[in-house]
């Protein structure tokens, strides 16, 4: 987990260099047995900005190179529209 977080911090810096990138958060699952224990939520100005970044060969090369150094991680990349702007979990 600690290694993944360190790797994510490096990848977030790579994303942060792209036009249209706003921010990224790393969310931890509340369910210990869930398939996705850590989820990266990146915020972009628009879908088009995200597509442009992913079509940038320099960005793709940097990201692929960094992902190649990360062991035992399955990455699911995609653009998902938000369904809520805020969620409060009650204990």
PDB file of N, CA and C in Angstrom:
ATOM      1  N   UNK A   1       0.822  -1.188   0.000  1.00  0.00           N
ATOM      2  CA  UNK A   1       0.000   0.000   0.000  1.00  0.00           C
ATOM      3  C   UNK A   1       0.877   1.267   0.000  1.00  0.00           C
ATOM      4  N   UNK A   2       1.891   1.279   0.852  1.00  0.00           N
ATOM      5  CA  UNK A   2       2.768   2.451   0.929  1.00  0.00           C
ATOM      6  C   UNK A   2       3.492   2.692  -0.389  1.00  0.00           C
ATOM      7  N   UNK A   3       3.926   1.601  -1.035  1.00  0.00           N
ATOM      8  CA  UNK A   3       4.614   1.742  -2.321  1.00  0.00           C
ATOM      9  C   UNK A   3       3.656   2.273  -3.383  1.00  0.00           C
ATOM     10  N   UNK A   4       2.416   1.791  -3.369  1.00  0.00           N
ATOM     11  CA  UNK A   4       1.437   2.273  -4.340  1.00  0.00           C
ATOM     12  C   UNK A   4       1.204   3.760  -4.157  1.00  0.00           C
ATOM     13  N   UNK A   5       1.083   4.213  -2.922  1.00  0.00           N
ATOM     14  CA  UNK A   5       0.848   5.634  -2.655  1.00  0.00           C
ATOM     15  C   UNK A   5       2.016   6.478  -3.148  1.00  0.00           C
ATOM     16  N   UNK A   6       3.234   6.024  -2.907  1.00  0.00           N
ATOM     17  CA  UNK A   6       4.415   6.749  -3.396  1.00  0.00           C
ATOM     18  C   UNK A   6       4.415   6.802  -4.928  1.00  0.00           C
ATOM     19  N   UNK A   7       4.059   5.689  -5.565  1.00  0.00           N
ATOM     20  CA  UNK A   7       3.976   5.655  -7.025  1.00  0.00           C
ATOM     21  C   UNK A   7       2.885   6.593  -7.526  1.00  0.00           C
ATOM     22  N   UNK A   8       1.749   6.608  -6.844  1.00  0.00           N
ATOM     23  CA  UNK A   8       0.637   7.483  -7.227  1.00  0.00           C
ATOM     24  C   UNK A   8       1.053   8.948  -7.134  1.00  0.00           C
ATOM     25  N   UNK A   9       1.782   9.310  -6.106  1.00  0.00           N
ATOM     26  CA  UNK A   9       2.230  10.698  -5.959  1.00  0.00           C
ATOM     27  C   UNK A   9       3.095  11.107  -7.149  1.00  0.00           C
ATOM     28  N   UNK A  10       3.957  10.213  -7.603  1.00  0.00           N
ATOM     29  CA  UNK A  10       4.783  10.493  -8.778  1.00  0.00           C
ATOM     30  C   UNK A  10       3.919  10.654 -10.023  1.00  0.00           C
ATOM     31  N   UNK A  11       2.957   9.748 -10.202  1.00  0.00           N
ATOM     32  CA  UNK A  11       2.079   9.826 -11.382  1.00  0.00           C
ATOM     33  C   UNK A  11       1.205  11.076 -11.340  1.00  0.00           C
ATOM     34  N   UNK A  12       0.808  11.509 -10.169  1.00  0.00           N
ATOM     35  CA  UNK A  12      -0.002  12.729 -10.052  1.00  0.00           C
ATOM     36  C   UNK A  12       0.779  13.947 -10.520  1.00  0.00           C
ATOM     37  N   UNK A  13       2.076  13.949 -10.268  1.00  0.00           N
ATOM     38  CA  UNK A  13       2.915  15.050 -10.755  1.00  0.00           C
ATOM     39  C   UNK A  13       2.986  15.042 -12.273  1.00  0.00           C
ATOM     40  N   UNK A  14       3.020  13.844 -12.857  1.00  0.00           N
ATOM     41  CA  UNK A  14       3.024  13.733 -14.320  1.00  0.00           C
ATOM     42  C   UNK A  14       1.703  14.286 -14.868  1.00  0.00           C
ATOM     43  N   UNK A  15       0.578  13.879 -14.261  1.00  0.00           N
ATOM     44  CA  UNK A  15      -0.734  14.383 -14.694  1.00  0.00           C
ATOM     45  C   UNK A  15      -0.824  15.892 -14.526  1.00  0.00           C
ATOM     46  N   UNK A  16      -0.262  16.403 -13.432  1.00  0.00           N
ATOM     47  CA  UNK A  16      -0.347  17.825 -13.114  1.00  0.00           C
ATOM     48  C   UNK A  16       0.318  18.725 -14.122  1.00  0.00           C
ATOM     49  N   UNK A  17       1.135  18.169 -14.996  1.00  0.00           N
ATOM     50  CA  UNK A  17       1.810  18.961 -16.021  1.00  0.00           C
ATOM     51  C   UNK A  17       0.952  19.145 -17.271  1.00  0.00           C
ATOM     52  N   UNK A  18      -0.177  18.462 -17.330  1.00  0.00           N
ATOM     53  CA  UNK A  18      -1.020  18.517 -18.527  1.00  0.00           C
ATOM     54  C   UNK A  18      -2.040  19.653 -18.440  1.00  0.00           C
ATOM     55  N   UNK A  19      -2.274  20.283 -19.590  1.00  0.00           N
ATOM     56  CA  UNK A  19      -3.271  21.352 -19.669  1.00  0.00           C
ATOM     57  C   UNK A  19      -4.642  20.796 -19.332  1.00  0.00           C
ATOM     58  N   UNK A  20      -5.399  21.511 -18.542  1.00  0.00           N
ATOM     59  CA  UNK A  20      -6.745  21.092 -18.182  1.00  0.00           C
ATOM     60  C   UNK A  20      -6.834  20.262 -16.923  1.00  0.00           C
ATOM     61  N   UNK A  21      -5.697  19.858 -16.378  1.00  0.00           N
ATOM     62  CA  UNK A  21      -5.702  19.088 -15.133  1.00  0.00           C
ATOM     63  C   UNK A  21      -5.990  20.032 -13.977  1.00  0.00           C
ATOM     64  N   UNK A  22      -6.875  19.614 -13.064  1.00  0.00           N
ATOM     65  CA  UNK A  22      -7.212  20.441 -11.904  1.00  0.00           C
ATOM     66  C   UNK A  22      -6.568  19.878 -10.644  1.00  0.00           C
ATOM     67  N   UNK A  23      -6.885  18.636 -10.309  1.00  0.00           N
ATOM     68  CA  UNK A  23      -6.346  18.038  -9.094  1.00  0.00           C
ATOM     69  C   UNK A  23      -6.585  16.535  -9.115  1.00  0.00           C
ATOM     70  N   UNK A  24      -5.978  15.856  -8.135  1.00  0.00           N
ATOM     71  CA  UNK A  24      -6.192  14.411  -8.000  1.00  0.00           C
ATOM     72  C   UNK A  24      -6.250  14.070  -6.520  1.00  0.00           C
ATOM     73  N   UNK A  25      -7.128  13.154  -6.189  1.00  0.00           N
ATOM     74  CA  UNK A  25      -7.278  12.670  -4.815  1.00  0.00           C
ATOM     75  C   UNK A  25      -7.142  11.160  -4.822  1.00  0.00           C
ATOM     76  N   UNK A  26      -6.607  10.638  -3.757  1.00  0.00           N
ATOM     77  CA  UNK A  26      -6.498   9.198  -3.597  1.00  0.00           C
ATOM     78  C   UNK A  26      -7.474   8.788  -2.511  1.00  0.00           C
ATOM     79  N   UNK A  27      -8.441   7.963  -2.888  1.00  0.00           N
ATOM     80  CA  UNK A  27      -9.485   7.538  -1.961  1.00  0.00           C
ATOM     81  C   UNK A  27      -9.253   6.095  -1.557  1.00  0.00           C
ATOM     82  N   UNK A  28      -9.467   5.793  -0.294  1.00  0.00           N
ATOM     83  CA  UNK A  28      -9.305   4.430   0.214  1.00  0.00           C
ATOM     84  C   UNK A  28     -10.694   3.830   0.455  1.00  0.00           C
ATOM     85  N   UNK A  29     -10.859   2.595   0.035  1.00  0.00           N
ATOM     86  CA  UNK A  29     -12.131   1.914   0.207  1.00  0.00           C
ATOM     87  C   UNK A  29     -12.449   1.719   1.688  1.00  0.00           C
ATOM     88  N   UNK A  30     -13.706   1.861   2.030  1.00  0.00           N
ATOM     89  CA  UNK A  30     -14.149   1.591   3.396  1.00  0.00           C
ATOM     90  C   UNK A  30     -14.373   0.099   3.618  1.00  0.00           C
ATOM     91  N   UNK A  31     -14.451  -0.650   2.518  1.00  0.00           N
ATOM     92  CA  UNK A  31     -14.678  -2.089   2.590  1.00  0.00           C
ATOM     93  C   UNK A  31     -13.356  -2.818   2.394  1.00  0.00           C
ATOM     94  N   UNK A  32     -12.901  -3.510   3.400  1.00  0.00           N
ATOM     95  CA  UNK A  32     -11.590  -4.169   3.366  1.00  0.00           C
ATOM     96  C   UNK A  32     -11.491  -5.258   2.297  1.00  0.00           C
ATOM     97  N   UNK A  33     -12.606  -5.876   1.941  1.00  0.00           N
ATOM     98  CA  UNK A  33     -12.565  -6.964   0.974  1.00  0.00           C
ATOM     99  C   UNK A  33     -13.004  -6.531  -0.425  1.00  0.00           C
ATOM    100  N   UNK A  34     -13.138  -5.234  -0.657  1.00  0.00           N
ATOM    101  CA  UNK A  34     -13.567  -4.748  -1.962  1.00  0.00           C
ATOM    102  C   UNK A  34     -12.452  -4.912  -2.985  1.00  0.00           C
ATOM    103  N   UNK A  35     -12.842  -5.139  -4.227  1.00  0.00           N
ATOM    104  CA  UNK A  35     -11.871  -5.341  -5.310  1.00  0.00           C
ATOM    105  C   UNK A  35     -10.938  -4.144  -5.458  1.00  0.00           C
ATOM    106  N   UNK A  36     -11.471  -2.940  -5.311  1.00  0.00           N
ATOM    107  CA  UNK A  36     -10.669  -1.729  -5.468  1.00  0.00           C
ATOM    108  C   UNK A  36     -10.418  -1.130  -4.095  1.00  0.00           C
ATOM    109  N   UNK A  37      -9.202  -1.303  -3.587  1.00  0.00           N
ATOM    110  CA  UNK A  37      -8.866  -0.794  -2.262  1.00  0.00           C
ATOM    111  C   UNK A  37      -8.488   0.680  -2.292  1.00  0.00           C
ATOM    112  N   UNK A  38      -7.899   1.121  -3.394  1.00  0.00           N
ATOM    113  CA  UNK A  38      -7.507   2.516  -3.541  1.00  0.00           C
ATOM    114  C   UNK A  38      -7.988   3.006  -4.899  1.00  0.00           C
ATOM    115  N   UNK A  39      -8.565   4.188  -4.918  1.00  0.00           N
ATOM    116  CA  UNK A  39      -9.104   4.741  -6.158  1.00  0.00           C
ATOM    117  C   UNK A  39      -8.563   6.148  -6.345  1.00  0.00           C
ATOM    118  N   UNK A  40      -7.971   6.385  -7.508  1.00  0.00           N
ATOM    119  CA  UNK A  40      -7.497   7.711  -7.873  1.00  0.00           C
ATOM    120  C   UNK A  40      -8.655   8.461  -8.528  1.00  0.00           C
ATOM    121  N   UNK A  41      -8.973   9.624  -8.006  1.00  0.00           N
ATOM    122  CA  UNK A  41     -10.000  10.470  -8.606  1.00  0.00           C
ATOM    123  C   UNK A  41      -9.295  11.723  -9.100  1.00  0.00           C
ATOM    124  N   UNK A  42      -9.172  11.844 -10.409  1.00  0.00           N
ATOM    125  CA  UNK A  42      -8.529  12.999 -11.016  1.00  0.00           C
ATOM    126  C   UNK A  42      -9.606  13.935 -11.555  1.00  0.00           C
ATOM    127  N   UNK A  43      -9.410  15.213 -11.335  1.00  0.00           N
ATOM    128  CA  UNK A  43     -10.363  16.223 -11.803  1.00  0.00           C
ATOM    129  C   UNK A  43      -9.748  16.983 -12.979  1.00  0.00           C
ATOM    130  N   UNK A  44     -10.499  17.042 -14.050  1.00  0.00           N
ATOM    131  CA  UNK A  44     -10.066  17.731 -15.263  1.00  0.00           C
ATOM    132  C   UNK A  44     -11.082  18.815 -15.587  1.00  0.00           C
ATOM    133  N   UNK A  45     -10.654  19.837 -16.304  1.00  0.00           N
ATOM    134  CA  UNK A  45     -11.562  20.922 -16.681  1.00  0.00           C
ATOM    135  C   UNK A  45     -12.687  20.428 -17.574  1.00  0.00           C
ATOM    136  N   UNK A  46     -12.392  19.406 -18.384  1.00  0.00           N
ATOM    137  CA  UNK A  46     -13.408  18.874 -19.288  1.00  0.00           C
ATOM    138  C   UNK A  46     -12.975  17.506 -19.800  1.00  0.00           C
ATOM    139  N   UNK A  47     -13.913  16.832 -20.400  1.00  0.00           N
ATOM    140  CA  UNK A  47     -13.611  15.551 -21.045  1.00  0.00           C
ATOM    141  C   UNK A  47     -12.581  15.768 -22.156  1.00  0.00           C
ATOM    142  N   UNK A  48     -12.750  16.853 -22.917  1.00  0.00           N
ATOM    143  CA  UNK A  48     -11.824  17.135 -24.014  1.00  0.00           C
ATOM    144  C   UNK A  48     -10.397  17.334 -23.514  1.00  0.00           C
ATOM    145  N   UNK A  49     -10.231  17.968 -22.352  1.00  0.00           N
ATOM    146  CA  UNK A  49      -8.895  18.157 -21.779  1.00  0.00           C
ATOM    147  C   UNK A  49      -8.279  16.812 -21.409  1.00  0.00           C
ATOM    148  N   UNK A  50      -9.089  15.919 -20.859  1.00  0.00           N
ATOM    149  CA  UNK A  50      -8.608  14.578 -20.504  1.00  0.00           C
ATOM    150  C   UNK A  50      -8.201  13.809 -21.760  1.00  0.00           C
ATOM    151  N   UNK A  51      -9.031  13.881 -22.809  1.00  0.00           N
ATOM    152  CA  UNK A  51      -8.723  13.195 -24.065  1.00  0.00           C
ATOM    153  C   UNK A  51      -7.445  13.761 -24.671  1.00  0.00           C
ATOM    154  N   UNK A  52      -7.303  15.095 -24.662  1.00  0.00           N
ATOM    155  CA  UNK A  52      -6.096  15.718 -25.217  1.00  0.00           C
ATOM    156  C   UNK A  52      -4.851  15.250 -24.473  1.00  0.00           C
ATOM    157  N   UNK A  53      -4.937  15.162 -23.159  1.00  0.00           N
ATOM    158  CA  UNK A  53      -3.789  14.690 -22.372  1.00  0.00           C
ATOM    159  C   UNK A  53      -3.452  13.252 -22.740  1.00  0.00           C
ATOM    160  N   UNK A  54      -4.457  12.418 -22.861  1.00  0.00           N
ATOM    161  CA  UNK A  54      -4.224  11.012 -23.182  1.00  0.00           C
ATOM    162  C   UNK A  54      -3.741  10.807 -24.608  1.00  0.00           C
ATOM    163  N   UNK A  55      -4.020  11.772 -25.482  1.00  0.00           N
ATOM    164  CA  UNK A  55      -3.546  11.694 -26.861  1.00  0.00           C
ATOM    165  C   UNK A  55      -2.179  12.340 -27.034  1.00  0.00           C
ATOM    166  N   UNK A  56      -1.667  12.959 -25.981  1.00  0.00           N
ATOM    167  CA  UNK A  56      -0.341  13.579 -26.027  1.00  0.00           C
ATOM    168  C   UNK A  56       0.707  12.466 -25.905  1.00  0.00           C
ATOM    169  N   UNK A  57       1.510  12.243 -26.960  1.00  0.00           N
ATOM    170  CA  UNK A  57       2.459  11.125 -26.921  1.00  0.00           C
ATOM    171  C   UNK A  57       3.500  11.250 -25.802  1.00  0.00           C
ATOM    172  N   UNK A  58       3.904  12.464 -25.461  1.00  0.00           N
ATOM    173  CA  UNK A  58       4.877  12.642 -24.375  1.00  0.00           C
ATOM    174  C   UNK A  58       4.281  12.222 -23.035  1.00  0.00           C
ATOM    175  N   UNK A  59       3.038  12.616 -22.798  1.00  0.00           N
ATOM    176  CA  UNK A  59       2.345  12.244 -21.559  1.00  0.00           C
ATOM    177  C   UNK A  59       2.171  10.728 -21.497  1.00  0.00           C
ATOM    178  N   UNK A  60       1.708  10.148 -22.585  1.00  0.00           N
ATOM    179  CA  UNK A  60       1.488   8.700 -22.619  1.00  0.00           C
ATOM    180  C   UNK A  60       2.798   7.950 -22.365  1.00  0.00           C
ATOM    181  N   UNK A  61       3.890   8.425 -22.938  1.00  0.00           N
ATOM    182  CA  UNK A  61       5.187   7.777 -22.756  1.00  0.00           C
ATOM    183  C   UNK A  61       5.647   7.873 -21.304  1.00  0.00           C
ATOM    184  N   UNK A  62       5.523   9.048 -20.703  1.00  0.00           N
ATOM    185  CA  UNK A  62       5.922   9.231 -19.300  1.00  0.00           C
ATOM    186  C   UNK A  62       5.083   8.351 -18.384  1.00  0.00           C
ATOM    187  N   UNK A  63       3.775   8.333 -18.617  1.00  0.00           N
ATOM    188  CA  UNK A  63       2.876   7.549 -17.772  1.00  0.00           C
ATOM    189  C   UNK A  63       3.145   6.054 -17.930  1.00  0.00           C
ATOM    190  N   UNK A  64       3.312   5.600 -19.162  1.00  0.00           N
ATOM    191  CA  UNK A  64       3.575   4.178 -19.405  1.00  0.00           C
ATOM    192  C   UNK A  64       4.895   3.766 -18.770  1.00  0.00           C
ATOM    193  N   UNK A  65       5.884   4.622 -18.853  1.00  0.00           N
ATOM    194  CA  UNK A  65       7.182   4.323 -18.246  1.00  0.00           C
ATOM    195  C   UNK A  65       7.054   4.205 -16.738  1.00  0.00           C
ATOM    196  N   UNK A  66       6.299   5.103 -16.125  1.00  0.00           N
ATOM    197  CA  UNK A  66       6.121   5.070 -14.676  1.00  0.00           C
ATOM    198  C   UNK A  66       5.288   3.863 -14.253  1.00  0.00           C
ATOM    199  N   UNK A  67       4.242   3.558 -15.000  1.00  0.00           N
ATOM    200  CA  UNK A  67       3.403   2.407 -14.659  1.00  0.00           C
ATOM    201  C   UNK A  67       4.181   1.108 -14.787  1.00  0.00           C
ATOM    202  N   UNK A  68       5.155   1.072 -15.677  1.00  0.00           N
ATOM    203  CA  UNK A  68       5.975  -0.118 -15.854  1.00  0.00           C
ATOM    204  C   UNK A  68       6.809  -0.431 -14.619  1.00  0.00           C
ATOM    205  N   UNK A  69       7.071   0.569 -13.790  1.00  0.00           N
ATOM    206  CA  UNK A  69       7.855   0.365 -12.588  1.00  0.00           C
ATOM    207  C   UNK A  69       7.030   0.008 -11.377  1.00  0.00           C
ATOM    208  N   UNK A  70       5.728  -0.081 -11.533  1.00  0.00           N
ATOM    209  CA  UNK A  70       4.838  -0.380 -10.422  1.00  0.00           C
ATOM    210  C   UNK A  70       4.446  -1.850 -10.476  1.00  0.00           C
ATOM    211  N   UNK A  71       4.757  -2.573  -9.446  1.00  0.00           N
ATOM    212  CA  UNK A  71       4.476  -4.011  -9.410  1.00  0.00           C
ATOM    213  C   UNK A  71       3.072  -4.294  -8.881  1.00  0.00           C
ATOM    214  N   UNK A  72       2.448  -5.324  -9.412  1.00  0.00           N
ATOM    215  CA  UNK A  72       1.190  -5.851  -8.884  1.00  0.00           C
ATOM    216  C   UNK A  72       0.056  -4.834  -8.825  1.00  0.00           C
ATOM    217  N   UNK A  73      -0.037  -3.987  -9.816  1.00  0.00           N
ATOM    218  CA  UNK A  73      -1.114  -3.009  -9.843  1.00  0.00           C
ATOM    219  C   UNK A  73      -1.891  -3.169 -11.136  1.00  0.00           C
ATOM    220  N   UNK A  74      -3.195  -3.277 -11.024  1.00  0.00           N
ATOM    221  CA  UNK A  74      -4.057  -3.308 -12.191  1.00  0.00           C
ATOM    222  C   UNK A  74      -4.668  -1.922 -12.321  1.00  0.00           C
ATOM    223  N   UNK A  75      -4.421  -1.289 -13.444  1.00  0.00           N
ATOM    224  CA  UNK A  75      -4.899   0.069 -13.649  1.00  0.00           C
ATOM    225  C   UNK A  75      -6.088   0.044 -14.596  1.00  0.00           C
ATOM    226  N   UNK A  76      -7.170   0.660 -14.171  1.00  0.00           N
ATOM    227  CA  UNK A  76      -8.357   0.830 -15.004  1.00  0.00           C
ATOM    228  C   UNK A  76      -8.486   2.323 -15.267  1.00  0.00           C
ATOM    229  N   UNK A  77      -8.245   2.730 -16.505  1.00  0.00           N
ATOM    230  CA  UNK A  77      -8.293   4.143 -16.821  1.00  0.00           C
ATOM    231  C   UNK A  77      -9.573   4.439 -17.578  1.00  0.00           C
ATOM    232  N   UNK A  78     -10.139   5.592 -17.319  1.00  0.00           N
ATOM    233  CA  UNK A  78     -11.339   5.992 -18.022  1.00  0.00           C
ATOM    234  C   UNK A  78     -11.829   7.317 -17.501  1.00  0.00           C
ATOM    235  N   UNK A  79     -12.824   7.849 -18.145  1.00  0.00           N
ATOM    236  CA  UNK A  79     -13.420   9.118 -17.737  1.00  0.00           C
ATOM    237  C   UNK A  79     -14.832   8.826 -17.282  1.00  0.00           C
ATOM    238  N   UNK A  80     -15.134   9.190 -16.069  1.00  0.00           N
ATOM    239  CA  UNK A  80     -16.438   8.899 -15.497  1.00  0.00           C
ATOM    240  C   UNK A  80     -17.111  10.201 -15.088  1.00  0.00           C
ATOM    241  N   UNK A  81     -18.337  10.367 -15.473  1.00  0.00           N
ATOM    242  CA  UNK A  81     -19.066  11.579 -15.092  1.00  0.00           C
ATOM    243  C   UNK A  81     -19.484  11.472 -13.633  1.00  0.00           C
ATOM    244  N   UNK A  82     -19.331  12.574 -12.884  1.00  0.00           N
ATOM    245  CA  UNK A  82     -19.728  12.533 -11.470  1.00  0.00           C
ATOM    246  C   UNK A  82     -21.244  12.394 -11.342  1.00  0.00           C
ATOM    247  N   UNK A  83     -21.661  11.637 -10.355  1.00  0.00           N
ATOM    248  CA  UNK A  83     -23.096  11.493 -10.104  1.00  0.00           C
ATOM    249  C   UNK A  83     -23.507  12.240  -8.842  1.00  0.00           C
ATOM    250  N   UNK A  84     -22.545  12.762  -8.115  1.00  0.00           N
ATOM    251  CA  UNK A  84     -22.834  13.550  -6.923  1.00  0.00           C
ATOM    252  C   UNK A  84     -21.664  14.497  -6.700  1.00  0.00           C
ATOM    253  N   UNK A  85     -21.944  15.655  -6.174  1.00  0.00           N
ATOM    254  CA  UNK A  85     -20.857  16.586  -5.918  1.00  0.00           C
ATOM    255  C   UNK A  85     -20.300  16.429  -4.530  1.00  0.00           C
ATOM    256  N   UNK A  86     -21.055  15.788  -3.646  1.00  0.00           N
ATOM    257  CA  UNK A  86     -20.592  15.604  -2.275  1.00  0.00           C
ATOM    258  C   UNK A  86     -21.333  14.426  -1.651  1.00  0.00           C
ATOM    259  N   UNK A  87     -20.613  13.615  -0.948  1.00  0.00           N
ATOM    260  CA  UNK A  87     -21.234  12.487  -0.260  1.00  0.00           C
ATOM    261  C   UNK A  87     -20.776  12.500   1.175  1.00  0.00           C
ATOM    262  N   UNK A  88     -21.696  12.421   2.097  1.00  0.00           N
ATOM    263  CA  UNK A  88     -21.357  12.350   3.517  1.00  0.00           C
ATOM    264  C   UNK A  88     -21.755  10.981   4.020  1.00  0.00           C
ATOM    265  N   UNK A  89     -20.794  10.291   4.614  1.00  0.00           N
ATOM    266  CA  UNK A  89     -21.079   8.967   5.150  1.00  0.00           C
ATOM    267  C   UNK A  89     -21.328   9.083   6.647  1.00  0.00           C
ATOM    268  N   UNK A  90     -22.425   8.537   7.075  1.00  0.00           N
ATOM    269  CA  UNK A  90     -22.768   8.558   8.490  1.00  0.00           C
ATOM    270  C   UNK A  90     -22.298   7.282   9.155  1.00  0.00           C
ATOM    271  N   UNK A  91     -21.673   7.402  10.306  1.00  0.00           N
ATOM    272  CA  UNK A  91     -21.214   6.231  11.037  1.00  0.00           C
ATOM    273  C   UNK A  91     -22.342   5.600  11.816  1.00  0.00           C
TER     274      UNK A  91
END
